[in-house]
Protein backbone atom coordinates (compact mmCIF):
# COMPACT_ATOMS: atom_id res chain seq x y z
CA UNK A 1 -49.10 -20.30 -20.58
CA UNK A 2 -47.53 -16.97 -21.41
CA UNK A 3 -47.70 -15.97 -17.73
CA UNK A 4 -45.88 -19.17 -16.80
CA UNK A 5 -43.13 -18.45 -19.32
CA UNK A 6 -42.85 -14.90 -18.04
CA UNK A 7 -42.57 -16.13 -14.45
CA UNK A 8 -39.87 -18.62 -15.45
CA UNK A 9 -37.98 -15.92 -17.31
CA UNK A 10 -38.22 -13.56 -14.34
CA UNK A 11 -37.10 -16.33 -12.01
CA UNK A 12 -34.11 -17.07 -14.25
CA UNK A 13 -33.16 -13.39 -14.38
CA UNK A 14 -33.56 -13.14 -10.61
CA UNK A 15 -31.24 -16.10 -10.01
CA UNK A 16 -28.72 -14.64 -12.43
CA UNK A 17 -28.80 -11.25 -10.69
CA UNK A 18 -28.46 -12.92 -7.30
CA UNK A 19 -25.48 -14.93 -8.53
CA UNK A 20 -23.87 -11.83 -10.06
CA UNK A 21 -24.37 -9.83 -6.85
CA UNK A 22 -22.90 -12.67 -4.80
CA UNK A 23 -19.86 -12.83 -7.09
CA UNK A 24 -19.39 -9.09 -6.79
CA UNK A 25 -19.56 -9.25 -3.00
CA UNK A 26 -17.08 -12.10 -3.02
CA UNK A 27 -14.70 -10.21 -5.30
CA UNK A 28 -14.91 -6.96 -3.30
CA UNK A 29 -12.44 -7.91 -0.54
CA UNK A 30 -9.91 -9.00 -3.14
CA UNK A 31 -9.94 -5.50 -4.60
CA UNK A 32 -9.99 -3.88 -1.16
CA UNK A 33 -6.43 -2.45 -1.00
CA UNK A 34 -6.64 -0.83 -4.43
CA UNK A 35 -10.14 0.51 -3.82
CA UNK A 36 -9.10 2.03 -0.51
CA UNK A 37 -6.14 3.73 -2.17
CA UNK A 38 -8.31 5.07 -4.99
CA UNK A 39 -10.89 6.44 -2.57
CA UNK A 40 -8.26 8.12 -0.42
CA UNK A 41 -6.43 9.56 -3.44
CA UNK A 42 -9.70 10.76 -4.97
CA UNK A 43 -10.51 12.71 -1.81
CA UNK A 44 -6.97 14.13 -1.76
CA UNK A 45 -7.17 15.24 -5.39
CA UNK A 46 -10.56 16.84 -4.73
CA UNK A 47 -9.08 18.82 -1.83
CA UNK A 48 -6.11 19.85 -4.02
CA UNK A 49 -8.47 21.05 -6.77
CA UNK A 50 -10.42 23.13 -4.25
CA UNK A 51 -7.21 24.72 -2.94
CA UNK A 52 -6.12 25.44 -6.52
CA UNK A 53 -9.53 26.93 -7.37
CA UNK A 54 -9.32 29.35 -4.46
CA UNK A 55 -5.75 30.29 -5.39
CA UNK A 56 -4.05 28.94 -2.26
CA UNK A 57 -1.70 26.62 -4.17
CA UNK A 58 -0.63 29.42 -6.52
CA UNK A 59 -0.04 31.70 -3.55
CA UNK A 60 2.16 29.07 -1.90
CA UNK A 61 4.23 28.60 -5.06
CA UNK A 62 4.70 32.34 -5.59
CA UNK A 63 5.48 33.11 -1.93
CA UNK A 64 8.01 30.28 -1.52
CA UNK A 65 11.09 31.64 -3.26
CA UNK A 66 13.15 28.61 -2.19
CA UNK A 67 10.80 26.22 -4.09
CA UNK A 68 11.01 23.75 -1.20
CA UNK A 69 7.21 23.50 -1.15
CA UNK A 70 7.18 22.56 -4.83
CA UNK A 71 9.84 19.90 -4.14
CA UNK A 72 7.69 18.51 -1.33
CA UNK A 73 4.70 18.26 -3.68
CA UNK A 74 6.77 16.43 -6.30
CA UNK A 75 8.15 13.97 -3.73
CA UNK A 76 4.63 13.38 -2.44
CA UNK A 77 3.41 12.54 -5.94
CA UNK A 78 6.34 10.16 -6.42
CA UNK A 79 5.67 8.42 -3.08
CA UNK A 80 1.97 8.11 -3.94
CA UNK A 81 2.77 6.49 -7.29
CA UNK A 82 5.11 4.05 -5.56
CA UNK A 83 2.37 3.23 -3.05
CA UNK A 84 -0.04 2.67 -5.96
CA UNK A 85 2.43 0.27 -7.60
CA UNK A 86 2.84 -1.70 -4.37
CA UNK A 87 -0.91 -1.69 -3.75
CA UNK A 88 -1.58 -3.16 -7.20
CA UNK A 89 0.96 -5.91 -6.50
CA UNK A 90 -0.61 -6.74 -3.13
CA UNK A 91 -4.10 -6.74 -4.67
CA UNK A 92 -2.99 -9.19 -7.36
CA UNK A 93 -1.26 -11.39 -4.81
CA UNK A 94 -4.38 -11.37 -2.64
CA UNK A 95 -6.53 -12.38 -5.61
CA UNK A 96 -4.12 -15.19 -6.54
CA UNK A 97 -3.89 -16.35 -2.91
CA UNK A 98 -7.66 -16.69 -2.58
CA UNK A 99 -7.91 -18.61 -5.84
CA UNK A 100 -5.05 -20.86 -4.72
CA UNK A 101 -6.76 -21.48 -1.38
CA UNK A 102 -9.98 -22.53 -3.09
CA UNK A 103 -8.18 -24.95 -5.42
CA UNK A 104 -6.04 -26.50 -2.69
CA UNK A 105 -8.97 -26.86 -0.29
CA UNK A 106 -11.14 -28.43 -2.98
CA UNK A 107 -8.53 -30.85 -4.34
CA UNK A 108 -5.31 -31.66 -2.42
CA UNK A 109 -3.97 -33.34 -5.56
CA UNK A 110 -2.65 -29.92 -6.55
CA UNK A 111 0.12 -30.65 -4.04
CA UNK A 112 2.98 -32.88 -5.11
CA UNK A 113 6.57 -33.52 -4.10
CA UNK A 114 7.96 -32.72 -7.51
CA UNK A 115 8.92 -29.05 -7.67
CA UNK A 116 8.27 -28.96 -11.42
CA UNK A 117 4.71 -30.25 -11.18
CA UNK A 118 3.35 -28.77 -7.96
CA UNK A 119 1.23 -25.69 -8.49
CA UNK A 120 1.07 -26.19 -12.27
CA UNK A 121 -2.68 -25.57 -12.18
CA UNK A 122 -2.52 -22.90 -9.47
CA UNK A 123 -2.41 -19.18 -10.28
CA UNK A 124 1.10 -17.79 -10.28
CA UNK A 125 2.11 -15.74 -7.27
CA UNK A 126 4.18 -15.68 -4.12
CA UNK A 127 1.73 -17.92 -2.25
CA UNK A 128 1.95 -20.57 -4.99
CA UNK A 129 5.75 -20.35 -4.88
CA UNK A 130 5.60 -20.80 -1.12
CA UNK A 131 3.41 -23.89 -1.52
CA UNK A 132 5.83 -25.25 -4.12
CA UNK A 133 8.70 -24.80 -1.68
CA UNK A 134 6.72 -26.53 1.04
CA UNK A 135 5.94 -29.45 -1.26
CA UNK A 136 9.58 -29.76 -2.24
CA UNK A 137 10.68 -29.63 1.40
CA UNK A 138 8.10 -32.27 2.34
CA UNK A 139 9.42 -34.57 -0.37
CA UNK A 140 12.98 -34.19 0.90
CA UNK A 141 12.10 -34.40 4.59
CA UNK A 142 11.90 -38.16 4.67
CA UNK A 143 8.73 -38.32 6.76
CA UNK A 144 9.80 -35.74 9.35
CA UNK A 145 7.42 -33.10 10.61
CA UNK A 146 7.14 -30.17 8.21
CA UNK A 147 8.24 -26.84 9.69
CA UNK A 148 7.60 -23.76 7.55
CA UNK A 149 8.90 -21.11 9.97
CA UNK A 150 11.89 -20.07 7.88
CA UNK A 151 9.88 -20.21 4.66
CA UNK A 152 7.23 -17.97 6.22
CA UNK A 153 9.89 -15.44 7.13
CA UNK A 154 11.01 -15.38 3.53
CA UNK A 155 7.40 -15.04 2.35
CA UNK A 156 6.84 -12.13 4.74
CA UNK A 157 9.90 -10.36 3.36
CA UNK A 158 8.77 -10.91 -0.22
CA UNK A 159 5.27 -9.63 0.49
CA UNK A 160 6.59 -6.60 2.33
CA UNK A 161 8.90 -5.75 -0.56
CA UNK A 162 9.74 -2.06 -0.66
CA UNK A 163 6.92 -0.97 1.66
CA UNK A 164 9.54 0.49 3.99
CA UNK A 165 10.00 3.27 1.42
CA UNK A 166 6.89 4.84 2.93
CA UNK A 167 8.64 5.55 6.21
CA UNK A 168 11.60 7.05 4.36
CA UNK A 169 9.36 9.24 2.19
CA UNK A 170 7.28 10.45 5.14
CA UNK A 171 10.38 11.28 7.17
CA UNK A 172 11.96 13.06 4.20
CA UNK A 173 8.89 15.24 3.66
CA UNK A 174 8.88 16.16 7.34
CA UNK A 175 12.58 17.03 7.28
CA UNK A 176 12.14 19.15 4.15
CA UNK A 177 9.38 21.07 5.89
CA UNK A 178 11.67 21.69 8.88
CA UNK A 179 14.47 22.74 6.52
CA UNK A 180 12.14 25.25 4.92
CA UNK A 181 11.24 26.54 8.38
CA UNK A 182 14.90 27.16 9.23
CA UNK A 183 15.61 28.78 5.87
CA UNK A 184 12.55 31.00 6.25
CA UNK A 185 13.62 32.19 9.71
CA UNK A 186 17.12 32.90 8.39
CA UNK A 187 15.60 34.98 5.59
CA UNK A 188 13.37 36.74 8.12
CA UNK A 189 16.12 37.59 10.62
CA UNK A 190 18.95 38.41 8.19
CA UNK A 191 17.79 42.00 7.46
CA UNK A 192 17.72 42.89 11.17
CA UNK A 193 21.54 42.86 11.43
CA UNK A 194 21.97 45.86 9.14
CA UNK A 195 18.72 47.61 9.98
CA UNK A 196 18.89 51.43 10.27
CA UNK A 197 15.95 52.77 12.24
CA UNK A 198 16.35 56.29 10.75
CA UNK A 199 16.17 55.05 7.14
CA UNK A 200 12.50 54.51 6.39
CA UNK A 201 13.21 53.05 2.96
CA UNK A 202 15.56 50.44 4.39
CA UNK A 203 13.07 49.73 7.17
CA UNK A 204 10.28 49.13 4.66
CA UNK A 205 12.53 46.88 2.57
CA UNK A 206 13.55 44.93 5.67
CA UNK A 207 9.92 44.42 6.62
CA UNK A 208 9.24 43.05 3.14
CA UNK A 209 12.13 40.60 3.42
CA UNK A 210 10.98 39.53 6.86
CA UNK A 211 7.49 38.94 5.53
CA UNK A 212 8.88 36.84 2.68
CA UNK A 213 10.95 34.79 5.11
CA UNK A 214 7.94 34.17 7.33
CA UNK A 215 5.92 33.05 4.31
CA UNK A 216 8.65 30.59 3.32
CA UNK A 217 8.79 29.19 6.86
CA UNK A 218 5.03 28.77 7.18
CA UNK A 219 4.30 27.35 3.73
CA UNK A 220 7.14 24.83 3.76
CA UNK A 221 6.22 23.68 7.26
CA UNK A 222 2.58 23.26 6.26
CA UNK A 223 3.45 21.41 3.04
CA UNK A 224 5.88 19.09 4.84
CA UNK A 225 3.45 18.23 7.64
CA UNK A 226 0.48 17.61 5.34
CA UNK A 227 2.56 15.59 2.86
CA UNK A 228 4.09 13.47 5.63
CA UNK A 229 0.67 12.70 7.15
CA UNK A 230 -0.91 11.79 3.81
CA UNK A 231 1.99 9.49 2.89
CA UNK A 232 1.81 7.78 6.28
CA UNK A 233 -1.90 7.12 5.79
CA UNK A 234 -1.34 5.57 2.36
CA UNK A 235 1.42 3.26 3.51
CA UNK A 236 -0.49 2.36 6.66
CA UNK A 237 -3.30 1.03 4.46
CA UNK A 238 -0.71 -0.80 2.33
CA UNK A 239 0.98 -2.37 5.38
CA UNK A 240 -2.40 -3.40 6.78
CA UNK A 241 -3.33 -5.10 3.50
CA UNK A 242 0.07 -6.84 3.41
CA UNK A 243 -0.35 -8.11 6.98
CA UNK A 244 -3.83 -9.44 6.25
CA UNK A 245 -2.55 -11.23 3.14
CA UNK A 246 0.30 -12.80 5.11
CA UNK A 247 -2.07 -13.95 7.86
CA UNK A 248 -4.35 -15.45 5.22
CA UNK A 249 -1.40 -17.29 3.66
CA UNK A 250 -0.35 -18.65 7.07
CA UNK A 251 -3.85 -19.91 7.75
CA UNK A 252 -4.19 -21.59 4.36
CA UNK A 253 -0.79 -23.29 4.45
CA UNK A 254 -1.10 -24.46 8.06
CA UNK A 255 -4.64 -25.81 7.71
CA UNK A 256 -4.66 -27.24 4.19
CA UNK A 257 -1.13 -27.47 2.77
CA UNK A 258 1.05 -28.60 5.67
CA UNK A 259 -1.46 -31.15 6.94
CA UNK A 260 -1.97 -32.60 3.46
CA UNK A 261 1.76 -32.82 2.77
CA UNK A 262 2.49 -34.45 6.13
CA UNK A 263 -0.30 -36.93 5.52
CA UNK A 264 1.12 -37.80 2.10
CA UNK A 265 4.65 -38.18 3.37
CA UNK A 266 3.57 -40.06 6.48
CA UNK A 267 5.03 -37.34 8.72
CA UNK A 268 2.41 -37.52 11.44
CA UNK A 269 4.86 -37.88 14.30
CA UNK A 270 6.21 -35.06 16.44
CA UNK A 271 9.81 -35.22 15.29
CA UNK A 272 11.51 -31.98 14.33
CA UNK A 273 13.50 -31.26 11.23
């Protein structure tokens, strides 16, 4: 008897663990954009800590008298924080979109022609707002075929938001690196104009200035290139997540929402708006 109870208890625990694991696997894609950003940023921070431990970051800061490298680092941190903010927004929208898709697919009664009632039980988000606009348009269409092309363009713009800031930030970091290169070469070549070959003291001082200018050129170029590449990678992942979310929204609205609204309004003909 006790063995039977133990087997039942183990079976119950096994089903619970299986259900929990399945829920976790289901929830994983919804957290994908944020997890990818955290993994990438974690690796970047680890590399930065290693460079700091071996003194390379301190050497760059001390050698760059123009402080352009430090400015590049600050701009990179700002761009990364902006990318994090946008990634969190896209992750939340993706979560809300999947919940909305499940509710709409399970019960089309979530769709109505009244803009104040449609989506009242759906999670708030841009996809729900898009469905509300579709429902309102279907109610005002008078039985005509529902075309969501213009609404999808607006949804794409809303989802994209300020993602274009990534291109601006990456280009700015690259240009700052090139600016540091030019400034470094100017610092390196300036002492040559008044160089006196017979004055060993002046020659030694000129060589020191040339070395400083070369350090500025190299460090700023390196910082600009690395920062630009890392920012591009972050915003590439963000743009990819945004595109996948938009494609998911198009599939859900075309398959479940538009067909249900046209069926309710009787718009099964091929007439255009």
